[in-house]
C-alpha atoms as a PDB file:
ATOM      1  CA  MET A   1      94.991 137.051 111.274  1.00  0.00           C
ATOM      2  CA  SER A   2      94.566 140.616 108.854  1.00  0.00           C
ATOM      3  CA  LYS A   3      94.157 140.766 105.632  1.00  0.00           C
ATOM      4  CA  THR A   4      97.595 142.747 105.687  1.00  0.00           C
ATOM      5  CA  LEU A   5      99.686 140.271 107.238  1.00  0.00           C
ATOM      6  CA  ASN A   6      97.785 138.111 104.215  1.00  0.00           C
ATOM      7  CA  HIS A   7      99.311 140.710 101.324  1.00  0.00           C
ATOM      8  CA  ASP A   8     102.912 141.001 103.464  1.00  0.00           C
ATOM      9  CA  LEU A   9     103.335 137.307 103.563  1.00  0.00           C
ATOM     10  CA  GLY A  10     102.583 136.605 100.212  1.00  0.00           C
ATOM     11  CA  ALA A  11     104.190 139.712  98.866  1.00  0.00           C
ATOM     12  CA  LEU A  12     107.389 139.078 100.490  1.00  0.00           C
ATOM     13  CA  VAL A  13     107.790 135.637  99.054  1.00  0.00           C
ATOM     14  CA  VAL A  14     107.009 136.968  95.811  1.00  0.00           C
ATOM     15  CA  ALA A  15     109.733 139.509  95.539  1.00  0.00           C
ATOM     16  CA  TRP A  16     112.121 137.051  97.710  1.00  0.00           C
ATOM     17  CA  GLN A  17     111.764 134.383  94.530  1.00  0.00           C
ATOM     18  CA  ARG A  18     112.294 136.977  92.216  1.00  0.00           C
ATOM     19  CA  THR A  19     115.568 138.145  93.369  1.00  0.00           C
ATOM     20  CA  HIS A  20     116.930 134.985  95.627  1.00  0.00           C
ATOM     21  CA  GLY A  21     114.804 132.281  94.598  1.00  0.00           C
ATOM     22  CA  ARG A  22     115.974 128.981  92.078  1.00  0.00           C
ATOM     23  CA  HIS A  23     115.456 129.930  88.491  1.00  0.00           C
ATOM     24  CA  ASP A  24     118.118 127.011  87.336  1.00  0.00           C
ATOM     25  CA  LEU A  25     116.221 123.759  87.905  1.00  0.00           C
ATOM     26  CA  PRO A  26     115.142 121.933  84.270  1.00  0.00           C
ATOM     27  CA  TRP A  27     111.898 122.019  84.715  1.00  0.00           C
ATOM     28  CA  GLN A  28     111.588 125.935  85.319  1.00  0.00           C
ATOM     29  CA  ARG A  29     113.040 126.447  81.656  1.00  0.00           C
ATOM     30  CA  ASN A  30     108.953 126.677  80.733  1.00  0.00           C
ATOM     31  CA  ARG A  31     105.148 126.513  82.604  1.00  0.00           C
ATOM     32  CA  ASP A  32     105.077 123.387  80.374  1.00  0.00           C
ATOM     33  CA  ALA A  33     102.221 121.269  82.368  1.00  0.00           C
ATOM     34  CA  TYR A  34     103.948 118.085  81.728  1.00  0.00           C
ATOM     35  CA  HIS A  35     106.960 119.393  83.193  1.00  0.00           C
ATOM     36  CA  VAL A  36     106.118 120.590  86.018  1.00  0.00           C
ATOM     37  CA  TRP A  37     103.656 117.552  86.617  1.00  0.00           C
ATOM     38  CA  LEU A  38     106.897 115.332  86.334  1.00  0.00           C
ATOM     39  CA  SER A  39     109.021 117.245  88.803  1.00  0.00           C
ATOM     40  CA  GLU A  40     106.572 117.181  91.090  1.00  0.00           C
ATOM     41  CA  ILE A  41     105.598 113.735  90.830  1.00  0.00           C
ATOM     42  CA  MET A  42     109.374 112.650  91.251  1.00  0.00           C
ATOM     43  CA  LEU A  43     109.959 115.347  94.243  1.00  0.00           C
ATOM     44  CA  GLN A  44     107.705 113.464  96.668  1.00  0.00           C
ATOM     45  CA  GLN A  45     109.827 112.435  99.141  1.00  0.00           C
ATOM     46  CA  THR A  46     112.829 113.186  97.232  1.00  0.00           C
ATOM     47  CA  GLN A  47     115.633 115.380  97.304  1.00  0.00           C
ATOM     48  CA  VAL A  48     116.110 117.802  93.989  1.00  0.00           C
ATOM     49  CA  SER A  49     119.488 116.408  93.476  1.00  0.00           C
ATOM     50  CA  THR A  50     118.375 112.908  92.579  1.00  0.00           C
ATOM     51  CA  VAL A  51     115.507 114.082  90.963  1.00  0.00           C
ATOM     52  CA  MET A  52     117.599 116.400  88.156  1.00  0.00           C
ATOM     53  CA  ALA A  53     119.330 113.274  86.388  1.00  0.00           C
ATOM     54  CA  TYR A  54     115.592 111.272  86.189  1.00  0.00           C
ATOM     55  CA  PHE A  55     114.108 114.144  84.850  1.00  0.00           C
ATOM     56  CA  GLU A  56     116.229 114.499  82.336  1.00  0.00           C
ATOM     57  CA  ARG A  57     116.452 110.464  81.011  1.00  0.00           C
ATOM     58  CA  PHE A  58     112.900 110.803  81.546  1.00  0.00           C
ATOM     59  CA  LEU A  59     111.793 113.569  79.151  1.00  0.00           C
ATOM     60  CA  GLN A  60     114.540 111.822  76.659  1.00  0.00           C
ATOM     61  CA  ARG A  61     112.728 108.915  76.828  1.00  0.00           C
ATOM     62  CA  PHE A  62     109.085 110.322  76.685  1.00  0.00           C
ATOM     63  CA  PRO A  63     109.490 113.723  75.527  1.00  0.00           C
ATOM     64  CA  ASN A  64     105.592 114.435  75.768  1.00  0.00           C
ATOM     65  CA  ILE A  65     102.389 113.296  77.569  1.00  0.00           C
ATOM     66  CA  GLN A  66     101.567 111.173  74.433  1.00  0.00           C
ATOM     67  CA  SER A  67     104.678 109.456  74.459  1.00  0.00           C
ATOM     68  CA  LEU A  68     104.463 108.372  78.077  1.00  0.00           C
ATOM     69  CA  ALA A  69     100.891 107.021  78.012  1.00  0.00           C
ATOM     70  CA  ASP A  70     101.914 104.928  75.042  1.00  0.00           C
ATOM     71  CA  ALA A  71     104.861 103.433  76.984  1.00  0.00           C
ATOM     72  CA  PRO A  72     104.474  99.559  78.437  1.00  0.00           C
ATOM     73  CA  LEU A  73     104.575  99.860  82.261  1.00  0.00           C
ATOM     74  CA  ASP A  74     108.012  98.150  82.300  1.00  0.00           C
ATOM     75  CA  ASP A  75     109.547 100.744  80.155  1.00  0.00           C
ATOM     76  CA  VAL A  76     108.535 103.541  82.923  1.00  0.00           C
ATOM     77  CA  LEU A  77     109.212 100.910  85.743  1.00  0.00           C
ATOM     78  CA  ALA A  78     112.679 100.536  84.508  1.00  0.00           C
ATOM     79  CA  LEU A  79     113.426 104.241  83.754  1.00  0.00           C
ATOM     80  CA  TRP A  80     112.350 104.687  87.184  1.00  0.00           C
ATOM     81  CA  SER A  81     114.353 102.340  88.873  1.00  0.00           C
ATOM     82  CA  GLY A  82     116.163 103.738  91.704  1.00  0.00           C
ATOM     83  CA  LEU A  83     113.862 106.543  92.562  1.00  0.00           C
ATOM     84  CA  GLY A  84     112.445 104.760  94.882  1.00  0.00           C
ATOM     85  CA  TYR A  85     108.546 104.684  95.666  1.00  0.00           C
ATOM     86  CA  TYR A  86     107.622 102.746  92.961  1.00  0.00           C
ATOM     87  CA  SER A  87     103.549 103.618  93.111  1.00  0.00           C
ATOM     88  CA  ARG A  88     104.471 106.888  92.004  1.00  0.00           C
ATOM     89  CA  ALA A  89     105.731 105.360  88.720  1.00  0.00           C
ATOM     90  CA  ARG A  90     102.459 103.031  88.428  1.00  0.00           C
ATOM     91  CA  ASN A  91     100.223 106.596  89.135  1.00  0.00           C
ATOM     92  CA  LEU A  92     102.673 108.377  86.933  1.00  0.00           C
ATOM     93  CA  HIS A  93     102.085 106.051  83.859  1.00  0.00           C
ATOM     94  CA  ALA A  94      98.158 105.691  84.407  1.00  0.00           C
ATOM     95  CA  CYS A  95      97.634 109.721  84.990  1.00  0.00           C
ATOM     96  CA  ALA A  96      99.221 109.899  81.197  1.00  0.00           C
ATOM     97  CA  GLN A  97      97.054 107.778  80.076  1.00  0.00           C
ATOM     98  CA  GLN A  98      93.931 109.244  81.398  1.00  0.00           C
ATOM     99  CA  VAL A  99      95.368 112.993  80.256  1.00  0.00           C
ATOM    100  CA  VAL A 100      95.396 111.787  76.590  1.00  0.00           C
ATOM    101  CA  ALA A 101      91.536 109.511  77.173  1.00  0.00           C
ATOM    102  CA  ARG A 102      89.855 112.079  78.822  1.00  0.00           C
ATOM    103  CA  PHE A 103      91.322 115.418  78.280  1.00  0.00           C
ATOM    104  CA  GLY A 104      93.072 114.919  74.749  1.00  0.00           C
ATOM    105  CA  GLY A 105      96.803 115.149  76.151  1.00  0.00           C
ATOM    106  CA  VAL A 106      96.354 118.515  77.474  1.00  0.00           C
ATOM    107  CA  PHE A 107      96.517 118.630  81.743  1.00  0.00           C
ATOM    108  CA  PRO A 108      93.455 120.628  82.796  1.00  0.00           C
ATOM    109  CA  HIS A 109      93.754 123.681  84.422  1.00  0.00           C
ATOM    110  CA  THR A 110      91.920 123.580  87.514  1.00  0.00           C
ATOM    111  CA  GLU A 111      92.577 122.231  90.832  1.00  0.00           C
ATOM    112  CA  GLU A 112      89.413 120.301  91.158  1.00  0.00           C
ATOM    113  CA  GLU A 113      89.927 118.544  87.502  1.00  0.00           C
ATOM    114  CA  LEU A 114      93.456 117.664  88.275  1.00  0.00           C
ATOM    115  CA  LYS A 115      92.786 115.935  91.368  1.00  0.00           C
ATOM    116  CA  THR A 116      90.685 113.666  89.325  1.00  0.00           C
ATOM    117  CA  LEU A 117      93.618 112.038  87.957  1.00  0.00           C
ATOM    118  CA  PRO A 118      95.756 109.422  89.532  1.00  0.00           C
ATOM    119  CA  GLY A 119      98.662 109.975  91.592  1.00  0.00           C
ATOM    120  CA  ILE A 120      97.904 113.786  91.907  1.00  0.00           C
ATOM    121  CA  GLY A 121      96.934 114.887  95.154  1.00  0.00           C
ATOM    122  CA  PRO A 122      95.561 118.324  96.843  1.00  0.00           C
ATOM    123  CA  SER A 123      98.928 120.052  96.573  1.00  0.00           C
ATOM    124  CA  THR A 124     100.175 118.404  93.610  1.00  0.00           C
ATOM    125  CA  ALA A 125      97.083 120.168  91.950  1.00  0.00           C
ATOM    126  CA  ALA A 126      97.542 123.354  93.229  1.00  0.00           C
ATOM    127  CA  ALA A 127     101.323 123.223  92.120  1.00  0.00           C
ATOM    128  CA  ILE A 128     100.589 122.061  88.643  1.00  0.00           C
ATOM    129  CA  ALA A 129      97.489 125.106  88.430  1.00  0.00           C
ATOM    130  CA  SER A 130      99.115 127.791  90.016  1.00  0.00           C
ATOM    131  CA  ILE A 131     102.384 127.508  88.321  1.00  0.00           C
ATOM    132  CA  CYS A 132     101.434 126.699  85.395  1.00  0.00           C
ATOM    133  CA  PHE A 133      97.863 128.484  85.234  1.00  0.00           C
ATOM    134  CA  SER A 134      98.203 130.845  87.555  1.00  0.00           C
ATOM    135  CA  GLN A 135      95.056 129.772  89.522  1.00  0.00           C
ATOM    136  CA  ARG A 136      95.032 131.274  93.152  1.00  0.00           C
ATOM    137  CA  ALA A 137      95.505 127.305  94.722  1.00  0.00           C
ATOM    138  CA  ALA A 138      97.460 126.835  97.723  1.00  0.00           C
ATOM    139  CA  ILE A 139      99.962 123.900  98.010  1.00  0.00           C
ATOM    140  CA  LEU A 140     100.847 122.273 101.409  1.00  0.00           C
ATOM    141  CA  ASP A 141     103.804 119.903 100.887  1.00  0.00           C
ATOM    142  CA  GLY A 142     106.353 119.288 103.715  1.00  0.00           C
ATOM    143  CA  ASN A 143     108.256 122.763 103.021  1.00  0.00           C
ATOM    144  CA  VAL A 144     105.383 124.667 102.899  1.00  0.00           C
ATOM    145  CA  LYS A 145     104.212 123.521 106.063  1.00  0.00           C
ATOM    146  CA  ARG A 146     106.688 124.380 107.668  1.00  0.00           C
ATOM    147  CA  VAL A 147     106.949 127.732 106.545  1.00  0.00           C
ATOM    148  CA  LEU A 148     103.581 128.643 107.499  1.00  0.00           C
ATOM    149  CA  THR A 149     103.521 127.196 110.449  1.00  0.00           C
ATOM    150  CA  ARG A 150     106.278 129.241 111.847  1.00  0.00           C
ATOM    151  CA  ALA A 151     105.521 132.722 110.010  1.00  0.00           C
ATOM    152  CA  LEU A 152     101.764 132.150 111.440  1.00  0.00           C
ATOM    153  CA  GLY A 153     102.541 130.637 114.528  1.00  0.00           C
ATOM    154  CA  PHE A 154     100.307 127.987 113.727  1.00  0.00           C
ATOM    155  CA  ALA A 155     100.727 125.336 117.083  1.00  0.00           C
ATOM    156  CA  GLY A 156      97.534 123.186 115.196  1.00  0.00           C
ATOM    157  CA  ASP A 157      98.745 119.696 115.709  1.00  0.00           C
ATOM    158  CA  LEU A 158      98.454 118.360 111.696  1.00  0.00           C
ATOM    159  CA  ALA A 159      98.275 114.668 113.078  1.00  0.00           C
ATOM    160  CA  PHE A 160      94.476 115.426 113.364  1.00  0.00           C
ATOM    161  CA  SER A 161      92.724 116.135 109.755  1.00  0.00           C
ATOM    162  CA  ALA A 162      90.893 119.060 111.153  1.00  0.00           C
ATOM    163  CA  GLN A 163      94.024 121.192 111.866  1.00  0.00           C
ATOM    164  CA  GLU A 164      95.357 120.154 108.823  1.00  0.00           C
ATOM    165  CA  LYS A 165      92.214 121.216 107.606  1.00  0.00           C
ATOM    166  CA  GLN A 166      92.631 124.780 109.136  1.00  0.00           C
ATOM    167  CA  LEU A 167      96.179 125.434 107.925  1.00  0.00           C
ATOM    168  CA  TRP A 168      95.184 124.867 104.438  1.00  0.00           C
ATOM    169  CA  ALA A 169      92.353 127.459 105.336  1.00  0.00           C
ATOM    170  CA  LEU A 170      95.464 129.571 106.296  1.00  0.00           C
ATOM    171  CA  ALA A 171      97.414 128.855 103.021  1.00  0.00           C
ATOM    172  CA  ARG A 172      94.633 129.791 100.951  1.00  0.00           C
ATOM    173  CA  ASP A 173      94.356 133.148 102.722  1.00  0.00           C
ATOM    174  CA  VAL A 174      98.400 134.237 102.228  1.00  0.00           C
ATOM    175  CA  LEU A 175      97.925 134.049  98.324  1.00  0.00           C
ATOM    176  CA  PRO A 176      98.995 136.994  96.339  1.00  0.00           C
ATOM    177  CA  PRO A 177      97.089 137.951  93.191  1.00  0.00           C
ATOM    178  CA  ALA A 178      96.739 135.596  90.265  1.00  0.00           C
ATOM    179  CA  VAL A 179      98.881 136.945  88.368  1.00  0.00           C
ATOM    180  CA  ASP A 180     101.941 136.401  91.207  1.00  0.00           C
ATOM    181  CA  MET A 181     101.001 133.089  91.482  1.00  0.00           C
ATOM    182  CA  PRO A 182     103.500 131.148  89.246  1.00  0.00           C
ATOM    183  CA  THR A 183     106.138 133.068  91.160  1.00  0.00           C
ATOM    184  CA  TYR A 184     104.546 132.607  94.718  1.00  0.00           C
ATOM    185  CA  THR A 185     104.231 129.069  94.455  1.00  0.00           C
ATOM    186  CA  GLN A 186     108.179 128.235  93.057  1.00  0.00           C
ATOM    187  CA  GLY A 187     109.115 130.859  96.061  1.00  0.00           C
ATOM    188  CA  VAL A 188     107.228 129.530  99.148  1.00  0.00           C
ATOM    189  CA  MET A 189     108.549 125.568  98.063  1.00  0.00           C
ATOM    190  CA  ASP A 190     112.030 127.020  97.864  1.00  0.00           C
ATOM    191  CA  LEU A 191     112.284 129.381 100.814  1.00  0.00           C
ATOM    192  CA  GLY A 192     111.418 126.092 102.745  1.00  0.00           C
ATOM    193  CA  ALA A 193     113.794 123.877 100.879  1.00  0.00           C
ATOM    194  CA  THR A 194     116.967 126.602 100.863  1.00  0.00           C
ATOM    195  CA  VAL A 195     115.853 128.850 104.211  1.00  0.00           C
ATOM    196  CA  CYS A 196     113.531 127.543 106.423  1.00  0.00           C
ATOM    197  CA  THR A 197     115.179 124.120 106.950  1.00  0.00           C
ATOM    198  CA  THR A 198     114.234 121.389 109.243  1.00  0.00           C
ATOM    199  CA  ARG A 199     117.177 121.611 111.906  1.00  0.00           C
ATOM    200  CA  GLN A 200     119.559 125.174 111.117  1.00  0.00           C
ATOM    201  CA  PRO A 201     116.870 127.916 109.622  1.00  0.00           C
ATOM    202  CA  GLN A 202     118.478 130.768 108.059  1.00  0.00           C
ATOM    203  CA  CYS A 203     116.310 133.188 109.698  1.00  0.00           C
ATOM    204  CA  GLU A 204     118.601 136.153 109.033  1.00  0.00           C
ATOM    205  CA  VAL A 205     118.031 135.709 105.714  1.00  0.00           C
ATOM    206  CA  CYS A 206     114.563 135.238 105.275  1.00  0.00           C
ATOM    207  CA  PRO A 207     112.192 137.192 103.993  1.00  0.00           C
ATOM    208  CA  LEU A 208     109.164 136.888 106.311  1.00  0.00           C
ATOM    209  CA  SER A 209     111.900 136.966 109.700  1.00  0.00           C
ATOM    210  CA  GLU A 210     110.229 140.652 111.021  1.00  0.00           C
ATOM    211  CA  MET A 211     106.682 139.000 110.762  1.00  0.00           C
ATOM    212  CA  CYS A 212     107.537 135.597 111.830  1.00  0.00           C
ATOM    213  CA  VAL A 213     106.000 134.201 115.228  1.00  0.00           C
ATOM    214  CA  ALA A 214     108.116 131.234 115.506  1.00  0.00           C
ATOM    215  CA  LYS A 215     111.330 133.345 115.243  1.00  0.00           C
ATOM    216  CA  ALA A 216     109.844 135.812 117.489  1.00  0.00           C
ATOM    217  CA  GLN A 217     109.301 133.442 120.260  1.00  0.00           C
ATOM    218  CA  GLY A 218     112.955 131.606 119.391  1.00  0.00           C
ATOM    219  CA  THR A 219     111.068 128.375 118.831  1.00  0.00           C
ATOM    220  CA  PRO A 220     111.333 127.471 114.656  1.00  0.00           C
ATOM    221  CA  GLN A 221     111.932 123.950 115.218  1.00  0.00           C
ATOM    222  CA  ALA A 222     108.848 123.439 117.396  1.00  0.00           C
ATOM    223  CA  TYR A 223     106.967 123.937 114.400  1.00  0.00           C
ATOM    224  CA  PRO A 224     105.260 122.240 112.845  1.00  0.00           C
ATOM    225  CA  VAL A 225     103.378 120.315 115.311  1.00  0.00           C
ATOM    226  CA  LYS A 226     102.362 116.665 114.614  1.00  0.00           C
ATOM    227  CA  THR A 227     102.652 114.455 117.442  1.00  0.00           C
ATOM    228  CA  ARG A 228     101.176 111.183 116.448  1.00  0.00           C
ATOM    229  CA  LYS A 229     104.554 109.072 114.802  1.00  0.00           C
ATOM    230  CA  LEU A 230     104.343 106.725 112.336  1.00  0.00           C
ATOM    231  CA  LYS A 231     105.323 103.383 113.766  1.00  0.00           C
ATOM    232  CA  ARG A 232     108.139 101.330 112.434  1.00  0.00           C
ATOM    233  CA  SER A 233     108.266  97.630 111.340  1.00  0.00           C
ATOM    234  CA  ALA A 234     110.618  95.159 110.487  1.00  0.00           C
ATOM    235  CA  GLU A 235     110.664  92.028 108.122  1.00  0.00           C
ATOM    236  CA  SER A 236     113.306  89.576 106.479  1.00  0.00           C
ATOM    237  CA  HIS A 237     113.133  88.047 103.611  1.00  0.00           C
ATOM    238  CA  TRP A 238     115.413  85.493 101.690  1.00  0.00           C
ATOM    239  CA  LEU A 239     116.847  86.300  98.333  1.00  0.00           C
ATOM    240  CA  LEU A 240     116.962  83.646  95.700  1.00  0.00           C
ATOM    241  CA  CYS A 241     119.822  84.668  93.400  1.00  0.00           C
ATOM    242  CA  ALA A 242     119.678  81.631  91.209  1.00  0.00           C
ATOM    243  CA  LEU A 243     122.001  81.172  88.012  1.00  0.00           C
ATOM    244  CA  ASN A 244     121.568  78.943  85.292  1.00  0.00           C
ATOM    245  CA  ALA A 245     124.574  77.314  83.565  1.00  0.00           C
ATOM    246  CA  GLN A 246     124.310  80.278  80.615  1.00  0.00           C
ATOM    247  CA  GLY A 247     124.859  82.976  83.277  1.00  0.00           C
ATOM    248  CA  GLU A 248     121.357  84.034  82.872  1.00  0.00           C
ATOM    249  CA  VAL A 249     119.410  84.830  86.420  1.00  0.00           C
ATOM    250  CA  TRP A 250     116.283  84.041  87.294  1.00  0.00           C
ATOM    251  CA  LEU A 251     113.717  86.676  88.224  1.00  0.00           C
ATOM    252  CA  SER A 252     110.127  87.164  88.877  1.00  0.00           C
ATOM    253  CA  GLN A 253     107.639  90.448  88.899  1.00  0.00           C
ATOM    254  CA  ARG A 254     106.718  91.307  92.174  1.00  0.00           C
ATOM    255  CA  PRO A 255     102.749  91.130  92.698  1.00  0.00           C
ATOM    256  CA  THR A 256     100.444  94.238  93.028  1.00  0.00           C
ATOM    257  CA  PRO A 257      99.755  95.454  95.847  1.00  0.00           C
ATOM    258  CA  GLY A 258     102.740  94.724  97.644  1.00  0.00           C
ATOM    259  CA  VAL A 259     106.523  96.010  98.208  1.00  0.00           C
ATOM    260  CA  TRP A 260     108.006  96.494  94.834  1.00  0.00           C
ATOM    261  CA  ALA A 261     104.814  96.069  92.933  1.00  0.00           C
ATOM    262  CA  GLY A 262     105.395  95.054  89.328  1.00  0.00           C
ATOM    263  CA  LEU A 263     109.080  95.583  89.831  1.00  0.00           C
ATOM    264  CA  TYR A 264     111.401  92.451  88.856  1.00  0.00           C
ATOM    265  CA  CYS A 265     113.041  90.860  91.612  1.00  0.00           C
ATOM    266  CA  PHE A 266     114.862  87.558  93.080  1.00  0.00           C
ATOM    267  CA  ASP A 267     112.156  84.846  94.166  1.00  0.00           C
ATOM    268  CA  MET A 268     111.880  85.987  98.207  1.00  0.00           C
ATOM    269  CA  PHE A 269     110.816  83.765 101.215  1.00  0.00           C
ATOM    270  CA  GLY A 270     109.852  84.495 104.775  1.00  0.00           C
ATOM    271  CA  SER A 271     112.761  82.131 105.767  1.00  0.00           C
ATOM    272  CA  MET A 272     115.755  79.779 104.767  1.00  0.00           C
ATOM    273  CA  ALA A 273     113.979  77.092 105.459  1.00  0.00           C
ATOM    274  CA  GLU A 274     110.909  77.797 102.690  1.00  0.00           C
ATOM    275  CA  LEU A 275     113.886  78.826 100.208  1.00  0.00           C
ATOM    276  CA  GLU A 276     115.044  74.925 100.520  1.00  0.00           C
ATOM    277  CA  VAL A 277     111.795  73.506 100.386  1.00  0.00           C
ATOM    278  CA  SER A 278     111.597  75.760  97.031  1.00  0.00           C
ATOM    279  CA  LEU A 279     115.229  74.663  95.755  1.00  0.00           C
ATOM    280  CA  ARG A 280     114.504  70.791  96.527  1.00  0.00           C
ATOM    281  CA  GLN A 281     111.322  70.407  94.197  1.00  0.00           C
ATOM    282  CA  ALA A 282     112.734  72.696  91.770  1.00  0.00           C
ATOM    283  CA  GLY A 283     116.113  70.227  91.675  1.00  0.00           C
ATOM    284  CA  GLY A 284     118.316  72.797  93.325  1.00  0.00           C
ATOM    285  CA  THR A 285     121.913  72.087  94.281  1.00  0.00           C
ATOM    286  CA  VAL A 286     120.937  72.820  98.172  1.00  0.00           C
ATOM    287  CA  GLN A 287     124.475  71.694  99.788  1.00  0.00           C
ATOM    288  CA  SER A 288     125.763  74.490  96.569  1.00  0.00           C
ATOM    289  CA  LEU A 289     124.122  77.792  98.651  1.00  0.00           C
ATOM    290  CA  GLN A 290     126.471  80.617  99.225  1.00  0.00           C
ATOM    291  CA  VAL A 291     124.959  82.858 101.669  1.00  0.00           C
ATOM    292  CA  ARG A 292     125.666  86.520 102.132  1.00  0.00           C
ATOM    293  CA  GLU A 293     125.244  88.991 104.668  1.00  0.00           C
ATOM    294  CA  PRO A 294     122.114  90.491 104.833  1.00  0.00           C
ATOM    295  CA  ILE A 295     121.497  93.939 103.740  1.00  0.00           C
ATOM    296  CA  LYS A 296     119.139  96.301 105.151  1.00  0.00           C
ATOM    297  CA  HIS A 297     116.876  98.636 102.991  1.00  0.00           C
ATOM    298  CA  VAL A 298     115.237 101.204 104.487  1.00  0.00           C
ATOM    299  CA  LEU A 299     111.886 102.184 103.300  1.00  0.00           C
ATOM    300  CA  THR A 300     109.047 104.598 104.669  1.00  0.00           C
ATOM    301  CA  HIS A 301     107.171 102.677 107.387  1.00  0.00           C
ATOM    302  CA  LYS A 302     109.553  99.641 107.650  1.00  0.00           C
ATOM    303  CA  ASP A 303     113.003  98.090 107.672  1.00  0.00           C
ATOM    304  CA  LEU A 304     113.372  95.046 105.210  1.00  0.00           C
ATOM    305  CA  HIS A 305     116.578  92.532 106.274  1.00  0.00           C
ATOM    306  CA  LEU A 306     117.631  90.777 103.180  1.00  0.00           C
ATOM    307  CA  HIS A 307     119.379  87.714 102.751  1.00  0.00           C
ATOM    308  CA  PRO A 308     120.710  87.017  99.712  1.00  0.00           C
ATOM    309  CA  VAL A 309     121.419  83.431  99.031  1.00  0.00           C
ATOM    310  CA  ARG A 310     123.092  82.774  95.811  1.00  0.00           C
ATOM    311  CA  VAL A 311     122.928  79.024  94.021  1.00  0.00           C
ATOM    312  CA  GLU A 312     123.153  77.531  90.381  1.00  0.00           C
ATOM    313  CA  LEU A 313     120.335  76.153  89.029  1.00  0.00           C
ATOM    314  CA  ALA A 314     119.821  73.462  85.930  1.00  0.00           C
ATOM    315  CA  GLN A 315     116.067  74.533  85.387  1.00  0.00           C
ATOM    316  CA  ALA A 316     113.330  77.161  86.237  1.00  0.00           C
ATOM    317  CA  PRO A 317     111.974  76.874  90.323  1.00  0.00           C
ATOM    318  CA  HIS A 318     108.764  77.461  88.924  1.00  0.00           C
ATOM    319  CA  GLN A 319     106.293  78.516  85.883  1.00  0.00           C
ATOM    320  CA  HIS A 320     105.893  82.490  87.355  1.00  0.00           C
ATOM    321  CA  GLY A 321     109.633  83.785  86.065  1.00  0.00           C
ATOM    322  CA  ARG A 322     112.218  84.205  83.539  1.00  0.00           C
ATOM    323  CA  TRP A 323     115.512  83.559  82.340  1.00  0.00           C
ATOM    324  CA  VAL A 324     117.545  86.808  82.254  1.00  0.00           C
ATOM    325  CA  PRO A 325     120.573  87.667  80.487  1.00  0.00           C
ATOM    326  CA  LEU A 326     122.312  89.570  83.769  1.00  0.00           C
ATOM    327  CA  PRO A 327     123.168  93.096  80.478  1.00  0.00           C
ATOM    328  CA  LYS A 328     119.243  92.870  80.332  1.00  0.00           C
ATOM    329  CA  ALA A 329     118.275  92.420  83.873  1.00  0.00           C
ATOM    330  CA  LEU A 330     120.425  95.346  84.816  1.00  0.00           C
ATOM    331  CA  THR A 331     117.906  97.389  82.247  1.00  0.00           C
ATOM    332  CA  LEU A 332     114.564  96.529  83.837  1.00  0.00           C
ATOM    333  CA  GLY A 333     112.572  98.259  86.173  1.00  0.00           C
ATOM    334  CA  LEU A 334     114.541  96.488  89.564  1.00  0.00           C
ATOM    335  CA  PRO A 335     114.334  97.766  93.376  1.00  0.00           C
ATOM    336  CA  ALA A 336     117.777  99.702  94.053  1.00  0.00           C
ATOM    337  CA  PRO A 337     118.905  96.614  96.386  1.00  0.00           C
ATOM    338  CA  ILE A 338     117.806  94.098  93.602  1.00  0.00           C
ATOM    339  CA  LYS A 339     120.279  95.984  91.223  1.00  0.00           C
ATOM    340  CA  THR A 340     123.046  96.088  93.474  1.00  0.00           C
ATOM    341  CA  LEU A 341     122.933  92.480  94.218  1.00  0.00           C
ATOM    342  CA  LEU A 342     123.388  92.014  90.466  1.00  0.00           C
ATOM    343  CA  GLN A 343     125.705  94.168  89.572  1.00  0.00           C
ATOM    344  CA  HIS A 344     127.743  91.707  92.158  1.00  0.00           C
ATOM    345  CA  LEU A 345     126.957  88.606  91.157  1.00  0.00           C
END
């Protein structure tokens, strides 16, 4: 790849961002590393439209890194409830505590130091370093992979680490001068999100259209190449939706590690028979069971088939949970389907 091509790609993205890129996102108001970091974590696997409301609520509750580090994890998970991928929230809290403990509450400026923090991988570290501190650091999230593989005609199979490393090297080759890095980084992300989209790329308005190999080939949707597909699995769980005479619900915190680790949830069982055995041991009335239609909840690599079972109990089923008034329960850190069930008990 020629140096001219390298320079052209970076310069074209920078010029496009200044005129056509997004400038009204709440985390773009300044280059504060706390804001950029928070947005980058929230935007992993999540649409911008969903993140915006969560971002504003987080800043209201945790206006700076110190307030987030000082907060109980339960408060962080509660505010994250519904956003999914809850390991992000646990890492967010741990990262805030390490930034305070190790760096005096100030995010480090370099990629290498940023990557030592919980939940910050190479691409997130590069985003913070480049946007906030004008470091020549290359991001490589899903949107950027699509832009670069199409523009450069990179046909390496990204299912293999060696090919991904080669794309990282190319991503660094096309970086503009340090002074333009904040604009470039935001621009290449915006380009992938709004123009160079997965199914219907708008090649006619893309600033890279004249140099784009995929456009010249007429095969933009052939990039990026990734042949190895993740295998999906399915699990069925029976949920004990237990209430007492006071209208309180029985909730337990999910174990770590595991699905919904650290969140509050109904007790989960592998079968209806297991649930009934647990009820008998707790003095529950099996005949009063009301079984609702199962709910399908889609996770990244698996489908959960949830079978809610509503029952009234006179006593706690075990010692590892607690009775919670329904209004209070709805303020806890809850998986999305559990929150929905609580709202309809």
